[in-house]
């Protein structure tokens, strides 16, 4: 009986070695897409914030007594 258990052990290990990358590859891909989206959103928010600060810092023409 001991030999049968050992035979199943190596087959089980081989199955795990084959199955784990197959399962983890899509998970890693989805994780990559999510992180990329979060990064793009943060970058866009920083760009908008900088543009708003520039607009607020620039002198406005309102209130200068135009015709």
N, C-alpha and C. Protein backbone atom coordinates (compact mmCIF):
# COMPACT_ATOMS: atom_id res chain seq x y z
N UNK A 1 0.81 -1.20 0.00
CA UNK A 1 0.00 0.00 0.00
C UNK A 1 0.85 1.26 0.00
N UNK A 2 2.01 1.21 0.59
CA UNK A 2 2.86 2.38 0.64
C UNK A 2 3.29 2.86 -0.73
N UNK A 3 3.51 1.92 -1.65
CA UNK A 3 3.92 2.31 -3.00
C UNK A 3 2.79 3.02 -3.75
N UNK A 4 1.55 2.59 -3.52
CA UNK A 4 0.42 3.22 -4.20
C UNK A 4 0.26 4.67 -3.75
N UNK A 5 0.46 4.92 -2.47
CA UNK A 5 0.33 6.28 -1.96
C UNK A 5 1.43 7.15 -2.56
N UNK A 6 2.64 6.63 -2.67
CA UNK A 6 3.73 7.41 -3.25
C UNK A 6 3.47 7.68 -4.72
N UNK A 7 2.91 6.71 -5.43
CA UNK A 7 2.62 6.91 -6.85
C UNK A 7 1.57 8.01 -7.01
N UNK A 8 0.59 8.03 -6.15
CA UNK A 8 -0.43 9.07 -6.22
C UNK A 8 0.16 10.42 -5.84
N UNK A 9 1.11 10.41 -4.94
CA UNK A 9 1.72 11.67 -4.52
C UNK A 9 2.40 12.38 -5.69
N UNK A 10 3.22 11.69 -6.45
CA UNK A 10 3.93 12.37 -7.53
C UNK A 10 2.96 12.79 -8.63
N UNK A 11 1.93 11.99 -8.87
CA UNK A 11 0.94 12.38 -9.88
C UNK A 11 0.15 13.61 -9.43
N UNK A 12 -0.15 13.64 -8.15
CA UNK A 12 -0.87 14.79 -7.59
C UNK A 12 0.00 16.04 -7.68
N UNK A 13 1.28 15.89 -7.39
CA UNK A 13 2.19 17.04 -7.46
C UNK A 13 2.31 17.53 -8.90
N UNK A 14 2.42 16.63 -9.84
CA UNK A 14 2.49 17.02 -11.25
C UNK A 14 1.20 17.73 -11.67
N UNK A 15 0.06 17.22 -11.22
CA UNK A 15 -1.22 17.86 -11.54
C UNK A 15 -1.27 19.27 -10.96
N UNK A 16 -0.79 19.45 -9.74
CA UNK A 16 -0.76 20.78 -9.14
C UNK A 16 0.17 21.71 -9.90
N UNK A 17 1.33 21.21 -10.27
CA UNK A 17 2.30 22.04 -11.00
C UNK A 17 1.72 22.49 -12.33
N UNK A 18 0.92 21.66 -12.96
CA UNK A 18 0.30 22.03 -14.23
C UNK A 18 -0.92 22.93 -14.01
N UNK A 19 -1.72 22.64 -12.99
CA UNK A 19 -2.99 23.36 -12.79
C UNK A 19 -2.80 24.75 -12.20
N UNK A 20 -1.85 24.92 -11.31
CA UNK A 20 -1.69 26.21 -10.63
C UNK A 20 -1.40 27.35 -11.62
N UNK A 21 -0.47 27.21 -12.54
CA UNK A 21 -0.27 28.31 -13.50
C UNK A 21 -1.49 28.56 -14.39
N UNK A 22 -2.21 27.50 -14.74
CA UNK A 22 -3.40 27.67 -15.57
C UNK A 22 -4.45 28.48 -14.83
N UNK A 23 -4.58 28.27 -13.53
CA UNK A 23 -5.55 29.00 -12.73
C UNK A 23 -5.06 30.41 -12.44
N UNK A 24 -3.78 30.57 -12.14
CA UNK A 24 -3.26 31.86 -11.72
C UNK A 24 -3.05 32.84 -12.88
N UNK A 25 -2.87 32.37 -14.08
CA UNK A 25 -2.65 33.27 -15.21
C UNK A 25 -3.83 34.21 -15.44
N UNK A 26 -5.06 33.73 -15.53
CA UNK A 26 -6.18 34.67 -15.68
C UNK A 26 -6.35 35.59 -14.47
N UNK A 27 -6.10 35.06 -13.29
CA UNK A 27 -6.20 35.88 -12.08
C UNK A 27 -5.19 37.02 -12.14
N UNK A 28 -3.96 36.71 -12.52
CA UNK A 28 -2.92 37.74 -12.62
C UNK A 28 -3.27 38.75 -13.71
N UNK A 29 -3.86 38.29 -14.80
CA UNK A 29 -4.23 39.20 -15.88
C UNK A 29 -5.31 40.18 -15.43
N UNK A 30 -6.33 39.68 -14.74
CA UNK A 30 -7.40 40.56 -14.25
C UNK A 30 -6.84 41.53 -13.23
N UNK A 31 -5.95 41.06 -12.37
CA UNK A 31 -5.31 41.93 -11.38
C UNK A 31 -4.52 43.03 -12.09
N UNK A 32 -3.80 42.68 -13.13
CA UNK A 32 -3.03 43.65 -13.90
C UNK A 32 -3.95 44.71 -14.52
N UNK A 33 -5.08 44.28 -15.08
CA UNK A 33 -6.03 45.23 -15.66
C UNK A 33 -6.59 46.17 -14.60
N UNK A 34 -6.92 45.64 -13.44
CA UNK A 34 -7.47 46.47 -12.37
C UNK A 34 -6.46 47.49 -11.88
N UNK A 35 -5.23 47.06 -11.67
CA UNK A 35 -4.18 47.98 -11.21
C UNK A 35 -3.92 49.04 -12.28
N UNK A 36 -3.91 48.64 -13.54
CA UNK A 36 -3.72 49.61 -14.62
C UNK A 36 -4.83 50.65 -14.66
N UNK A 37 -6.07 50.22 -14.44
CA UNK A 37 -7.19 51.15 -14.42
C UNK A 37 -7.11 52.12 -13.25
N UNK A 38 -6.74 51.60 -12.09
CA UNK A 38 -6.60 52.46 -10.91
C UNK A 38 -5.49 53.48 -11.15
N UNK A 39 -4.38 53.03 -11.72
CA UNK A 39 -3.26 53.93 -11.99
C UNK A 39 -3.67 55.03 -12.98
N UNK A 40 -4.39 54.65 -14.02
CA UNK A 40 -4.84 55.65 -15.01
C UNK A 40 -5.81 56.65 -14.39
N UNK A 41 -6.68 56.18 -13.51
CA UNK A 41 -7.63 57.07 -12.85
C UNK A 41 -6.91 58.06 -11.94
N UNK A 42 -5.94 57.59 -11.19
CA UNK A 42 -5.17 58.47 -10.31
C UNK A 42 -4.41 59.51 -11.13
N UNK A 43 -3.80 59.07 -12.22
CA UNK A 43 -3.04 59.98 -13.07
C UNK A 43 -3.95 61.05 -13.67
N UNK A 44 -5.13 60.64 -14.12
CA UNK A 44 -6.09 61.60 -14.69
C UNK A 44 -6.57 62.59 -13.63
N UNK A 45 -6.81 62.12 -12.42
CA UNK A 45 -7.25 63.01 -11.34
C UNK A 45 -6.16 64.02 -11.01
N UNK A 46 -4.92 63.60 -11.00
CA UNK A 46 -3.81 64.53 -10.73
C UNK A 46 -3.70 65.58 -11.84
N UNK A 47 -3.89 65.14 -13.08
CA UNK A 47 -3.83 66.08 -14.20
C UNK A 47 -4.96 67.11 -14.10
N UNK A 48 -6.15 66.66 -13.77
CA UNK A 48 -7.28 67.59 -13.62
C UNK A 48 -7.04 68.56 -12.48
N UNK A 49 -6.51 68.05 -11.37
CA UNK A 49 -6.25 68.91 -10.22
C UNK A 49 -5.22 69.98 -10.57
N UNK A 50 -4.18 69.61 -11.31
CA UNK A 50 -3.16 70.58 -11.71
C UNK A 50 -3.75 71.63 -12.65
N UNK A 51 -4.61 71.20 -13.57
CA UNK A 51 -5.23 72.15 -14.50
C UNK A 51 -6.14 73.11 -13.74
N UNK A 52 -6.87 72.60 -12.76
CA UNK A 52 -7.76 73.47 -11.97
C UNK A 52 -6.94 74.47 -11.16
N UNK A 53 -5.83 74.04 -10.60
CA UNK A 53 -4.97 74.97 -9.84
C UNK A 53 -4.42 76.06 -10.75
N UNK A 54 -4.06 75.69 -11.97
CA UNK A 54 -3.56 76.70 -12.92
C UNK A 54 -4.64 77.72 -13.24
N UNK A 55 -5.87 77.24 -13.48
CA UNK A 55 -6.97 78.16 -13.78
C UNK A 55 -7.25 79.08 -12.59
N UNK A 56 -7.22 78.55 -11.39
CA UNK A 56 -7.51 79.36 -10.21
C UNK A 56 -6.40 80.37 -9.94
N UNK A 57 -5.17 80.02 -10.27
CA UNK A 57 -4.04 80.91 -10.02
C UNK A 57 -3.96 82.02 -11.08
N UNK A 58 -4.48 81.78 -12.27
CA UNK A 58 -4.41 82.78 -13.34
C UNK A 58 -5.39 83.91 -13.04
N UNK A 59 -5.00 85.14 -13.35
CA UNK A 59 -5.92 86.27 -13.14
C UNK A 59 -7.11 86.15 -14.09
N UNK A 60 -8.26 86.53 -13.60
CA UNK A 60 -9.46 86.45 -14.43
C UNK A 60 -9.77 87.81 -15.04
N UNK A 61 -10.52 87.82 -16.13
CA UNK A 61 -10.88 89.08 -16.79
C UNK A 61 -12.20 89.61 -16.26
N UNK A 62 -12.90 88.83 -15.49
CA UNK A 62 -14.17 89.30 -14.94
C UNK A 62 -13.89 90.40 -13.93
N UNK A 63 -14.73 91.37 -13.90
CA UNK A 63 -14.59 92.43 -12.92
C UNK A 63 -13.57 93.49 -13.29
N UNK A 64 -13.09 93.52 -14.53
CA UNK A 64 -12.13 94.54 -14.92
C UNK A 64 -12.83 95.72 -15.59
N UNK A 65 -14.13 95.73 -15.56
CA UNK A 65 -14.86 96.87 -16.11
C UNK A 65 -14.87 96.92 -17.61
N UNK A 66 -15.18 95.83 -18.25
CA UNK A 66 -15.24 95.80 -19.71
C UNK A 66 -16.43 96.57 -20.24
N UNK A 67 -16.45 96.84 -21.54
CA UNK A 67 -17.52 97.65 -22.15
C UNK A 67 -18.78 96.93 -22.27
